[in-house]
Protein backbone atom coordinates (compact mmCIF):
# COMPACT_ATOMS: atom_id res chain seq x y z
CA UNK A 1 74.81 -189.37 -11.57
CA UNK A 2 73.13 -187.14 -9.15
CA UNK A 3 71.60 -184.04 -10.62
CA UNK A 4 73.59 -181.72 -8.41
CA UNK A 5 76.86 -183.27 -9.14
CA UNK A 6 79.29 -180.82 -11.08
CA UNK A 7 81.09 -181.60 -14.38
CA UNK A 8 84.00 -179.60 -16.00
CA UNK A 9 83.98 -178.02 -19.18
CA UNK A 10 86.73 -177.76 -21.76
CA UNK A 11 87.13 -174.21 -20.63
CA UNK A 12 87.48 -174.83 -17.11
CA UNK A 13 84.05 -173.86 -15.98
CA UNK A 14 81.74 -176.10 -13.91
CA UNK A 15 78.29 -176.98 -14.53
CA UNK A 16 75.63 -179.12 -12.93
CA UNK A 17 72.87 -181.16 -14.66
CA UNK A 18 70.34 -179.21 -12.36
CA UNK A 19 67.35 -177.28 -13.78
CA UNK A 20 69.18 -174.34 -15.14
CA UNK A 21 72.43 -175.97 -16.11
CA UNK A 22 74.56 -172.71 -15.95
CA UNK A 23 78.10 -172.69 -15.91
CA UNK A 24 79.93 -171.63 -13.06
CA UNK A 25 83.15 -169.61 -13.30
CA UNK A 26 86.51 -171.11 -13.29
CA UNK A 27 88.78 -170.84 -10.21
CA UNK A 28 91.48 -168.68 -11.91
CA UNK A 29 89.00 -166.11 -12.87
CA UNK A 30 86.97 -166.37 -9.75
CA UNK A 31 90.19 -165.64 -7.56
CA UNK A 32 91.60 -162.89 -9.86
CA UNK A 33 89.47 -160.23 -8.61
CA UNK A 34 87.62 -160.12 -11.92
CA UNK A 35 84.16 -160.46 -10.06
CA UNK A 36 85.07 -158.47 -7.14
CA UNK A 37 86.65 -159.50 -3.84
CA UNK A 38 85.20 -161.18 -0.63
CA UNK A 39 84.66 -159.14 2.39
CA UNK A 40 87.31 -161.07 4.10
CA UNK A 41 89.69 -159.88 1.65
CA UNK A 42 88.61 -156.19 1.92
CA UNK A 43 88.04 -155.95 5.53
CA UNK A 44 90.33 -158.40 7.32
CA UNK A 45 93.30 -158.88 4.72
CA UNK A 46 93.64 -155.32 4.79
CA UNK A 47 97.54 -154.45 4.53
CA UNK A 48 96.81 -150.64 3.89
CA UNK A 49 94.94 -150.66 7.23
CA UNK A 50 92.13 -148.55 5.74
CA UNK A 51 88.69 -148.23 7.26
CA UNK A 52 85.83 -147.82 4.68
CA UNK A 53 82.56 -146.04 4.49
CA UNK A 54 79.38 -147.04 2.60
CA UNK A 55 80.56 -144.98 -0.31
CA UNK A 56 83.96 -146.65 -0.58
CA UNK A 57 82.19 -149.88 -1.24
CA UNK A 58 80.20 -151.18 -4.16
CA UNK A 59 78.32 -154.53 -4.24
CA UNK A 60 79.02 -156.65 -7.41
CA UNK A 61 76.08 -157.97 -9.40
CA UNK A 62 74.81 -161.45 -9.03
CA UNK A 63 72.60 -163.85 -10.80
CA UNK A 64 69.00 -163.05 -10.79
CA UNK A 65 66.64 -166.15 -10.50
CA UNK A 66 63.72 -164.47 -8.58
CA UNK A 67 61.22 -161.67 -8.95
CA UNK A 68 61.43 -158.26 -7.05
CA UNK A 69 58.52 -159.09 -4.81
CA UNK A 70 60.12 -162.32 -4.02
CA UNK A 71 62.68 -160.49 -2.02
CA UNK A 72 62.28 -160.96 1.79
CA UNK A 73 63.51 -158.19 3.90
CA UNK A 74 62.28 -159.42 7.11
CA UNK A 75 64.95 -159.48 9.93
CA UNK A 76 65.56 -159.49 13.50
CA UNK A 77 65.78 -156.22 15.74
CA UNK A 78 66.94 -158.29 18.78
CA UNK A 79 67.20 -161.65 19.92
CA UNK A 80 63.44 -161.83 20.53
CA UNK A 81 61.86 -159.11 18.39
CA UNK A 82 61.40 -159.86 14.51
CA UNK A 83 60.51 -157.03 11.99
CA UNK A 84 58.90 -157.14 8.32
CA UNK A 85 60.94 -154.29 7.20
CA UNK A 86 64.53 -153.40 8.54
CA UNK A 87 64.04 -149.90 9.28
CA UNK A 88 64.21 -147.96 12.79
CA UNK A 89 63.63 -144.40 13.40
CA UNK A 90 66.47 -142.78 15.60
CA UNK A 91 65.63 -141.52 19.32
CA UNK A 92 66.22 -137.94 18.16
CA UNK A 93 63.94 -135.14 19.61
CA UNK A 94 63.57 -133.80 15.73
CA UNK A 95 62.83 -137.53 14.56
CA UNK A 96 60.84 -139.64 16.75
CA UNK A 97 57.88 -139.31 18.93
CA UNK A 98 54.61 -140.99 19.03
CA UNK A 99 53.41 -140.12 15.52
CA UNK A 100 56.73 -141.31 13.95
CA UNK A 101 56.94 -144.54 15.96
CA UNK A 102 53.03 -145.36 14.95
CA UNK A 103 53.78 -145.04 11.42
CA UNK A 104 57.14 -146.94 11.47
CA UNK A 105 55.35 -149.81 13.44
CA UNK A 106 52.48 -149.79 10.70
CA UNK A 107 54.85 -150.00 8.07
CA UNK A 108 56.65 -153.07 9.32
CA UNK A 109 59.70 -151.13 11.27
CA UNK A 110 59.85 -149.52 14.66
CA UNK A 111 60.51 -146.28 16.14
CA UNK A 112 62.59 -145.48 19.32
CA UNK A 113 61.14 -142.55 21.38
CA UNK A 114 63.68 -139.96 22.44
CA UNK A 115 64.62 -139.17 25.92
CA UNK A 116 64.56 -135.43 25.87
CA UNK A 117 61.23 -135.64 27.62
CA UNK A 118 60.43 -135.91 31.28
CA UNK A 119 59.85 -139.43 32.49
CA UNK A 120 55.99 -139.04 32.50
CA UNK A 121 55.80 -137.48 29.15
CA UNK A 122 58.09 -140.30 27.42
CA UNK A 123 56.06 -142.81 29.04
CA UNK A 124 52.76 -141.17 27.80
CA UNK A 125 54.46 -141.21 24.26
CA UNK A 126 54.90 -145.02 24.61
CA UNK A 127 51.20 -145.40 25.65
CA UNK A 128 49.87 -143.42 22.55
CA UNK A 129 51.69 -146.21 20.39
CA UNK A 130 50.42 -149.07 22.43
CA UNK A 131 46.87 -147.67 22.53
CA UNK A 132 46.90 -146.83 18.67
CA UNK A 133 44.05 -148.70 16.77
CA UNK A 134 44.30 -148.10 13.02
CA UNK A 135 41.76 -145.57 11.87
CA UNK A 136 40.98 -144.36 15.43
CA UNK A 137 42.28 -140.91 16.66
CA UNK A 138 43.05 -141.50 20.32
CA UNK A 139 44.52 -138.12 21.06
CA UNK A 140 42.36 -135.60 19.25
CA UNK A 141 42.87 -131.83 20.00
CA UNK A 142 39.61 -130.87 22.13
CA UNK A 143 38.30 -127.41 23.18
CA UNK A 144 35.75 -126.56 25.80
CA UNK A 145 32.38 -124.80 25.40
CA UNK A 146 34.08 -121.42 26.49
CA UNK A 147 36.48 -121.67 23.67
CA UNK A 148 36.27 -119.20 20.88
CA UNK A 149 35.92 -119.17 17.23
CA UNK A 150 39.37 -117.67 17.20
CA UNK A 151 40.84 -120.85 19.04
CA UNK A 152 39.28 -122.93 16.01
CA UNK A 153 40.63 -120.81 13.35
CA UNK A 154 44.18 -120.78 15.31
CA UNK A 155 44.08 -124.66 14.99
CA UNK A 156 42.80 -124.88 11.56
CA UNK A 157 45.70 -122.54 10.39
CA UNK A 158 48.36 -124.69 12.34
CA UNK A 159 46.94 -128.25 11.68
CA UNK A 160 44.95 -127.68 8.67
CA UNK A 161 41.55 -129.16 10.03
CA UNK A 162 38.77 -127.61 12.08
CA UNK A 163 36.55 -130.78 13.06
CA UNK A 164 37.11 -129.89 17.13
CA UNK A 165 35.31 -132.06 19.66
CA UNK A 166 33.91 -130.04 22.48
CA UNK A 167 34.18 -131.44 26.04
CA UNK A 168 33.23 -130.09 29.19
CA UNK A 169 37.02 -129.63 30.53
CA UNK A 170 38.47 -129.19 26.84
CA UNK A 171 40.47 -132.32 27.04
CA UNK A 172 40.39 -135.86 25.79
CA UNK A 173 38.62 -137.87 28.27
CA UNK A 174 36.01 -135.03 29.22
CA UNK A 175 32.24 -135.45 28.81
CA UNK A 176 31.40 -134.77 25.25
CA UNK A 177 29.35 -131.58 24.81
CA UNK A 178 29.27 -131.28 21.15
CA UNK A 179 31.47 -130.68 18.12
CA UNK A 180 32.71 -127.72 15.79
CA UNK A 181 33.19 -128.21 12.16
CA UNK A 182 34.28 -125.83 9.38
CA UNK A 183 30.62 -125.01 8.31
CA UNK A 184 29.66 -123.78 11.72
CA UNK A 185 32.48 -121.17 11.65
CA UNK A 186 32.79 -120.30 7.98
CA UNK A 187 30.45 -117.23 8.27
CA UNK A 188 31.30 -116.18 11.67
CA UNK A 189 32.99 -112.69 11.85
CA UNK A 190 33.40 -112.49 15.53
CA UNK A 191 36.62 -114.31 16.62
CA UNK A 192 35.41 -114.02 20.33
CA UNK A 193 32.27 -115.74 19.91
CA UNK A 194 31.99 -118.79 22.45
CA UNK A 195 31.84 -122.17 20.87
CA UNK A 196 28.81 -123.28 22.86
CA UNK A 197 26.80 -120.70 20.91
CA UNK A 198 27.75 -122.25 17.44
CA UNK A 199 28.61 -125.94 18.13
CA UNK A 200 26.46 -128.86 17.11
CA UNK A 201 25.18 -129.79 20.51
CA UNK A 202 25.63 -133.31 21.76
CA UNK A 203 21.93 -134.54 21.45
CA UNK A 204 22.25 -133.88 17.72
CA UNK A 205 25.43 -135.86 17.25
CA UNK A 206 25.82 -139.37 15.88
CA UNK A 207 28.23 -141.25 18.17
CA UNK A 208 29.82 -144.76 18.50
CA UNK A 209 30.19 -146.68 21.73
CA UNK A 210 33.74 -147.57 23.13
CA UNK A 211 34.56 -150.93 21.29
CA UNK A 212 33.26 -150.28 18.11
CA UNK A 213 34.96 -151.95 15.41
CA UNK A 214 36.21 -149.99 12.42
CA UNK A 215 33.97 -151.50 9.71
CA UNK A 216 30.97 -150.71 11.80
CA UNK A 217 32.12 -147.06 12.36
CA UNK A 218 32.57 -146.65 8.62
CA UNK A 219 28.96 -147.78 8.15
CA UNK A 220 27.84 -145.26 10.48
CA UNK A 221 29.71 -142.28 8.94
CA UNK A 222 28.26 -143.41 5.53
CA UNK A 223 24.65 -143.72 6.90
CA UNK A 224 25.01 -140.18 8.70
CA UNK A 225 26.90 -138.41 6.13
CA UNK A 226 29.14 -136.75 8.84
CA UNK A 227 32.89 -136.10 8.69
CA UNK A 228 33.63 -136.88 12.06
CA UNK A 229 32.57 -139.72 14.40
CA UNK A 230 32.93 -139.21 18.32
CA UNK A 231 33.53 -142.59 20.38
CA UNK A 232 32.26 -142.38 24.06
CA UNK A 233 32.26 -144.76 26.68
CA UNK A 234 29.29 -145.47 29.07
CA UNK A 235 29.75 -142.13 30.88
CA UNK A 236 29.56 -140.35 27.69
CA UNK A 237 33.11 -139.22 28.04
CA UNK A 238 35.20 -138.89 24.78
CA UNK A 239 37.63 -141.69 24.19
CA UNK A 240 38.49 -141.43 20.50
CA UNK A 241 37.52 -139.91 17.18
CA UNK A 242 36.98 -141.28 13.65
CA UNK A 243 37.47 -139.09 10.68
CA UNK A 244 35.91 -139.86 7.32
CA UNK A 245 39.12 -138.53 5.64
CA UNK A 246 41.33 -141.20 7.71
CA UNK A 247 38.61 -143.86 6.77
CA UNK A 248 39.13 -143.06 3.05
CA UNK A 249 42.77 -143.25 3.39
CA UNK A 250 42.72 -146.47 5.58
CA UNK A 251 44.78 -149.50 4.27
CA UNK A 252 45.56 -152.74 5.78
CA UNK A 253 49.06 -152.52 6.97
CA UNK A 254 49.82 -156.34 6.50
CA UNK A 255 53.50 -155.83 7.52
CA UNK A 256 52.59 -154.12 10.93
CA UNK A 257 55.10 -154.53 13.74
CA UNK A 258 52.71 -156.06 16.27
CA UNK A 259 52.94 -157.99 19.74
CA UNK A 260 51.82 -161.66 18.87
CA UNK A 261 49.60 -161.53 21.94
CA UNK A 262 48.16 -158.27 22.58
CA UNK A 263 48.25 -157.22 18.92
CA UNK A 264 49.52 -153.79 19.99
CA UNK A 265 52.05 -151.85 17.79
CA UNK A 266 55.70 -152.59 18.76
CA UNK A 267 57.69 -149.40 20.25
CA UNK A 268 60.90 -148.66 21.69
CA UNK A 269 62.34 -145.78 23.80
CA UNK A 270 65.64 -144.56 24.75
CA UNK A 271 67.27 -144.02 28.14
CA UNK A 272 70.63 -142.82 29.48
CA UNK A 273 72.98 -144.53 31.78
CA UNK A 274 72.55 -142.39 34.98
CA UNK A 275 71.15 -143.78 38.17
CA UNK A 276 67.82 -142.00 37.48
CA UNK A 277 67.36 -143.75 34.13
CA UNK A 278 66.54 -146.90 36.03
CA UNK A 279 63.37 -145.17 37.25
CA UNK A 280 62.82 -144.10 33.85
CA UNK A 281 63.11 -147.41 32.60
CA UNK A 282 60.63 -148.73 35.07
CA UNK A 283 58.07 -146.18 33.85
CA UNK A 284 58.52 -147.04 30.29
CA UNK A 285 58.17 -150.71 31.03
CA UNK A 286 54.87 -150.03 32.93
CA UNK A 287 53.77 -148.05 29.93
CA UNK A 288 54.52 -150.99 27.67
CA UNK A 289 57.53 -150.49 25.94
CA UNK A 290 58.88 -153.49 24.13
CA UNK A 291 62.46 -152.50 23.65
CA UNK A 292 64.82 -150.01 25.39
CA UNK A 293 67.83 -148.62 23.68
CA UNK A 294 70.67 -147.49 26.02
CA UNK A 295 71.64 -144.33 24.26
CA UNK A 296 75.32 -143.44 24.62
CA UNK A 297 77.70 -142.04 22.04
CA UNK A 298 80.45 -144.45 23.22
CA UNK A 299 78.77 -147.62 24.72
CA UNK A 300 81.58 -149.47 26.30
CA UNK A 301 81.60 -147.88 29.84
CA UNK A 302 81.05 -149.24 33.16
CA UNK A 303 77.97 -147.19 33.46
CA UNK A 304 76.26 -148.70 30.42
CA UNK A 305 77.21 -152.33 31.49
CA UNK A 306 75.70 -151.63 34.99
CA UNK A 307 72.43 -150.43 33.54
CA UNK A 308 72.12 -153.12 30.97
CA UNK A 309 72.84 -155.61 33.69
CA UNK A 310 70.10 -153.99 35.96
CA UNK A 311 67.57 -153.94 33.02
CA UNK A 312 67.94 -157.63 32.30
CA UNK A 313 67.82 -158.63 36.00
CA UNK A 314 64.98 -156.43 36.79
CA UNK A 315 62.96 -156.76 33.95
CA UNK A 316 63.53 -160.13 32.49
CA UNK A 317 61.17 -159.99 29.44
CA UNK A 318 62.29 -156.81 28.31
CA UNK A 319 64.69 -156.45 25.00
CA UNK A 320 67.66 -154.36 25.65
CA UNK A 321 69.68 -152.75 22.79
CA UNK A 322 73.02 -151.32 23.97
CA UNK A 323 75.89 -149.26 22.27
CA UNK A 324 76.92 -147.37 20.40
CA UNK A 325 80.02 -149.60 19.66
CA UNK A 326 82.27 -149.86 16.45
CA UNK A 327 84.68 -152.63 17.55
CA UNK A 328 84.23 -156.42 18.61
CA UNK A 329 86.14 -155.18 21.99
CA UNK A 330 83.30 -152.95 22.74
CA UNK A 331 80.69 -155.34 21.60
CA UNK A 332 82.02 -158.23 23.67
CA UNK A 333 81.47 -156.39 27.15
CA UNK A 334 77.90 -155.26 26.23
CA UNK A 335 77.14 -158.89 25.02
CA UNK A 336 78.56 -160.32 28.16
CA UNK A 337 76.30 -157.81 30.23
CA UNK A 338 73.18 -159.27 28.34
CA UNK A 339 72.40 -157.11 25.54
CA UNK A 340 69.86 -158.43 23.13
CA UNK A 341 70.94 -156.20 20.16
CA UNK A 342 73.66 -153.70 19.20
CA UNK A 343 73.68 -150.21 18.04
CA UNK A 344 76.74 -149.72 15.83
CA UNK A 345 78.07 -146.33 14.61
CA UNK A 346 80.11 -143.45 16.25
CA UNK A 347 80.53 -140.09 14.73
CA UNK A 348 79.21 -140.80 11.17
CA UNK A 349 75.78 -139.17 11.24
CA UNK A 350 75.22 -136.26 8.99
CA UNK A 351 74.96 -133.81 11.73
CA UNK A 352 77.35 -135.58 14.44
CA UNK A 353 80.76 -134.10 14.95
CA UNK A 354 82.09 -136.75 17.24
CA UNK A 355 84.99 -137.80 15.25
CA UNK A 356 86.06 -134.24 14.61
CA UNK A 357 85.72 -132.91 18.18
CA UNK A 358 87.05 -136.21 20.02
CA UNK A 359 89.15 -137.70 17.35
CA UNK A 360 87.48 -141.17 18.22
CA UNK A 361 85.31 -143.20 16.18
CA UNK A 362 85.34 -145.47 12.89
CA UNK A 363 84.14 -145.35 9.13
CA UNK A 364 80.76 -146.98 9.25
CA UNK A 365 81.22 -150.17 6.66
CA UNK A 366 84.12 -151.23 8.57
CA UNK A 367 82.29 -150.77 11.81
CA UNK A 368 79.30 -152.59 10.51
CA UNK A 369 81.14 -155.43 9.24
CA UNK A 370 83.50 -156.19 11.86
CA UNK A 371 80.84 -155.97 14.82
CA UNK A 372 78.36 -158.00 12.88
CA UNK A 373 80.73 -160.78 12.06
CA UNK A 374 81.75 -160.83 15.81
CA UNK A 375 78.17 -160.65 17.27
CA UNK A 376 76.91 -163.31 14.85
CA UNK A 377 78.76 -165.89 17.05
CA UNK A 378 76.37 -164.90 20.07
CA UNK A 379 73.24 -164.68 18.11
CA UNK A 380 73.08 -160.84 18.70
CA UNK A 381 71.63 -158.62 15.78
CA UNK A 382 73.38 -155.52 15.05
CA UNK A 383 71.64 -152.29 14.01
CA UNK A 384 73.62 -150.08 11.62
CA UNK A 385 73.22 -146.26 13.20
CA UNK A 386 74.00 -143.35 11.16
CA UNK A 387 75.56 -142.55 7.93
CA UNK A 388 72.50 -143.58 5.99
CA UNK A 389 71.90 -141.13 3.04
CA UNK A 390 70.24 -143.45 0.38
CA UNK A 391 68.55 -146.56 -0.23
CA UNK A 392 71.96 -147.77 -1.55
CA UNK A 393 73.56 -147.11 1.78
CA UNK A 394 70.77 -149.15 3.60
CA UNK A 395 71.51 -152.07 1.11
CA UNK A 396 75.24 -152.07 1.64
CA UNK A 397 74.73 -151.95 5.65
CA UNK A 398 72.34 -155.16 5.33
CA UNK A 399 74.94 -156.73 2.80
CA UNK A 400 77.67 -156.11 5.32
CA UNK A 401 75.88 -157.98 8.10
CA UNK A 402 73.50 -155.56 9.84
CA UNK A 403 70.06 -156.77 10.59
CA UNK A 404 68.48 -153.21 10.65
CA UNK A 405 69.25 -149.68 9.71
CA UNK A 406 68.68 -146.66 12.24
CA UNK A 407 67.87 -143.72 10.36
CA UNK A 408 67.61 -139.99 11.37
CA UNK A 409 68.23 -137.54 8.56
CA UNK A 410 66.35 -139.90 6.07
CA UNK A 411 63.28 -139.62 8.03
CA UNK A 412 63.54 -136.03 9.50
CA UNK A 413 61.51 -133.63 7.14
CA UNK A 414 58.65 -136.40 6.80
CA UNK A 415 55.11 -135.23 8.05
CA UNK A 416 55.45 -137.63 11.04
CA UNK A 417 58.87 -136.15 12.36
CA UNK A 418 58.09 -133.72 15.35
CA UNK A 419 58.31 -130.01 14.49
CA UNK A 420 56.55 -127.65 11.99
CA UNK A 421 57.46 -126.69 8.37
CA UNK A 422 58.98 -123.58 7.48
CA UNK A 423 60.00 -121.79 3.97
CA UNK A 424 63.35 -120.85 3.01
CA UNK A 425 64.22 -119.58 -0.47
CA UNK A 426 61.21 -121.18 -1.46
CA UNK A 427 61.92 -124.43 -0.13
CA UNK A 428 59.82 -126.22 2.43
CA UNK A 429 61.90 -127.36 5.41
CA UNK A 430 61.87 -128.80 8.81
CA UNK A 431 64.29 -128.50 11.64
CA UNK A 432 66.92 -131.28 12.28
CA UNK A 433 69.34 -131.21 14.86
CA UNK A 434 72.07 -133.84 16.37
CA UNK A 435 71.62 -134.93 19.87
CA UNK A 436 75.11 -133.49 20.51
CA UNK A 437 74.14 -130.11 19.41
CA UNK A 438 74.17 -127.43 22.04
CA UNK A 439 70.35 -127.01 21.51
CA UNK A 440 69.52 -130.56 22.12
CA UNK A 441 71.91 -131.06 25.06
CA UNK A 442 70.14 -128.07 26.74
CA UNK A 443 67.04 -130.02 26.71
CA UNK A 444 68.62 -132.93 28.47
CA UNK A 445 70.63 -135.06 25.92
CA UNK A 446 74.07 -134.30 27.35
CA UNK A 447 73.59 -137.29 29.40
CA UNK A 448 74.39 -139.34 26.14
CA UNK A 449 77.99 -137.70 25.90
CA UNK A 450 78.86 -136.98 29.58
CA UNK A 451 79.98 -139.18 32.08
CA UNK A 452 80.75 -137.50 35.31
CA UNK A 453 80.44 -138.58 38.97
CA UNK A 454 80.51 -134.96 40.27
CA UNK A 455 78.97 -131.76 39.27
CA UNK A 456 81.57 -130.28 37.24
CA UNK A 457 79.82 -130.53 33.97
CA UNK A 458 78.90 -127.04 33.21
CA UNK A 459 81.18 -126.89 30.19
CA UNK A 460 79.25 -128.43 27.30
CA UNK A 461 81.40 -129.64 24.50
CA UNK A 462 79.11 -130.08 21.13
CA UNK A 463 79.38 -133.15 19.23
CA UNK A 464 76.75 -132.24 16.84
CA UNK A 465 75.34 -129.57 14.93
CA UNK A 466 71.75 -128.09 14.11
CA UNK A 467 70.22 -127.68 10.67
CA UNK A 468 67.28 -128.38 8.39
CA UNK A 469 66.07 -131.15 5.80
CA UNK A 470 63.87 -130.78 3.03
CA UNK A 471 60.22 -131.79 3.18
CA UNK A 472 59.87 -135.61 2.32
CA UNK A 473 56.09 -135.99 2.62
CA UNK A 474 54.30 -138.63 4.43
CA UNK A 475 55.97 -141.90 5.53
CA UNK A 476 52.89 -143.58 3.87
CA UNK A 477 54.59 -143.15 0.52
CA UNK A 478 58.10 -142.68 1.65
CA UNK A 479 58.79 -146.13 3.32
CA UNK A 480 57.20 -147.99 0.53
CA UNK A 481 59.98 -146.23 -1.71
CA UNK A 482 62.77 -147.08 0.40
CA UNK A 483 61.50 -150.77 0.69
CA UNK A 484 61.38 -151.16 -2.89
CA UNK A 485 64.76 -149.68 -3.32
CA UNK A 486 66.48 -152.17 -1.07
CA UNK A 487 64.55 -154.84 -2.83
CA UNK A 488 66.09 -153.79 -6.19
CA UNK A 489 69.55 -153.54 -4.76
CA UNK A 490 69.18 -157.28 -3.31
CA UNK A 491 67.78 -158.38 -6.39
CA UNK A 492 70.65 -156.78 -8.48
CA UNK A 493 73.04 -158.30 -6.02
CA UNK A 494 71.59 -161.80 -6.63
CA UNK A 495 70.62 -162.16 -3.11
CA UNK A 496 66.60 -162.94 -2.24
CA UNK A 497 66.44 -162.32 1.52
CA UNK A 498 68.75 -160.93 4.53
CA UNK A 499 69.32 -164.62 5.39
CA UNK A 500 70.64 -165.34 2.03
CA UNK A 501 72.78 -162.29 2.21
CA UNK A 502 74.41 -163.16 5.35
CA UNK A 503 75.14 -166.61 4.06
CA UNK A 504 76.67 -165.17 0.78
CA UNK A 505 78.52 -162.60 2.83
CA UNK A 506 80.26 -165.09 4.97
CA UNK A 507 80.92 -167.98 2.41
CA UNK A 508 82.36 -165.44 0.03
CA UNK A 509 79.87 -165.67 -2.46
CA UNK A 510 78.72 -162.04 -2.10
CA UNK A 511 81.50 -159.94 -3.71
CA UNK A 512 82.42 -156.36 -3.13
CA UNK A 513 84.84 -153.59 -4.54
CA UNK A 514 86.54 -150.69 -3.45
CA UNK A 515 85.64 -147.54 -5.40
CA UNK A 516 88.10 -144.90 -6.14
CA UNK A 517 87.12 -141.06 -5.79
CA UNK A 518 86.72 -141.05 -9.46
CA UNK A 519 84.52 -143.91 -9.60
CA UNK A 520 82.43 -142.60 -6.79
CA UNK A 521 81.90 -139.35 -8.78
CA UNK A 522 81.15 -141.75 -11.97
CA UNK A 523 78.56 -143.54 -9.79
CA UNK A 524 76.55 -140.69 -8.97
CA UNK A 525 75.09 -137.78 -11.09
CA UNK A 526 77.70 -136.06 -12.94
CA UNK A 527 78.27 -134.03 -16.09
């Protein structure tokens, strides 16, 4: 008898002669609903014609035969781009610019830079990510010799540091003239005093040459006992800055999302569907962008199909994520156009009001399951966009077939998100707004919501609101927390990878149940 051959016990259970020898549940109990229901039973054999959100669904526990750190959450963002971590930051102007994109890539995910920039500025943000080298500050704030002590004090108050390189033109890339540190200004009472009078001049500075390795730079800082080390080229122009504090915090990011050839960090950027967005895409490709997200609230339009076809024809190596969609019929048209990935979600973000204003959309758990199941036939990964409020929601999205999750409010409020902190009722907050809010639309995001051949678009209908989110600290601590939360969820569900989750989702091994409102209340914090 082979080790894998099943035998039946007197109670109707099956067991094998394998290593664990564990019994398997009898068919009657398995089919009774006692261990939950398959995704097919919940989403397809759905006589009540109900759409479900993440909160409506709960994953049934599975057998644990592996350790927490054995859970593999690596995934596919698109047909050609793989990530170690299934997290993507949303292209919103209060979420993702270069700083967010850099940290997301270092942690194994990817950031999508928003399009509420001019073409030149958005391309510059992409270049910052592509030029990033761990431990090197490639865009330090600089001042000129004619700057004042007051300028340094203002920068210190805003950014929390005062080690400022002084260049001849006050900009990065200028000829290095000196550096001003906190000790240079501590006892200066005159805020109008020129920096050239107090700065440490170039001839007294220790510098590193362009091309220096991080370990070598670290040794120079140790020897000189300095806080900052300027990096200059052969023309003595400033090309980077290395800070002792950054080196002390520096860690190896083994999961970093990098290009296999250039070793540069991966980064994405959003564009719209208007004719001028073709030029924007060309500039982003020139800047080195790895993936473009065509950003529309409703992706099944002739405008998006045309631009997806254009991008795939004009930039054959570029990966394109299309959307947003919530049904297989929408997905089919974009897959036919050549999309390498799909963004799923419509009207379910925490600051999105599309479903309320336009009466169109779909509950996210149902949208993710149906589109993922359909797109799988074509090998197209899907990105669950919106509705994520906890690590539990991330786990549910991935368990329902998503390859990655895109997050806005979950990442807004972190140190790396754009904007400045403010206090309200003693709570530290950051601004957060929907790209369909009037404020964001006035900055350019109306192209995400308006399709109009003429010029009669003066009236803007808001599909989002503005608000604030609580301080979440740095992504250096926050992303590892999210990763561990997802691993715990997978382990409790008895799945050891996204591949395993997909197999068990579609063969019916992974089970779910619908929660009543009382069950949802019971599952959260309650009295």
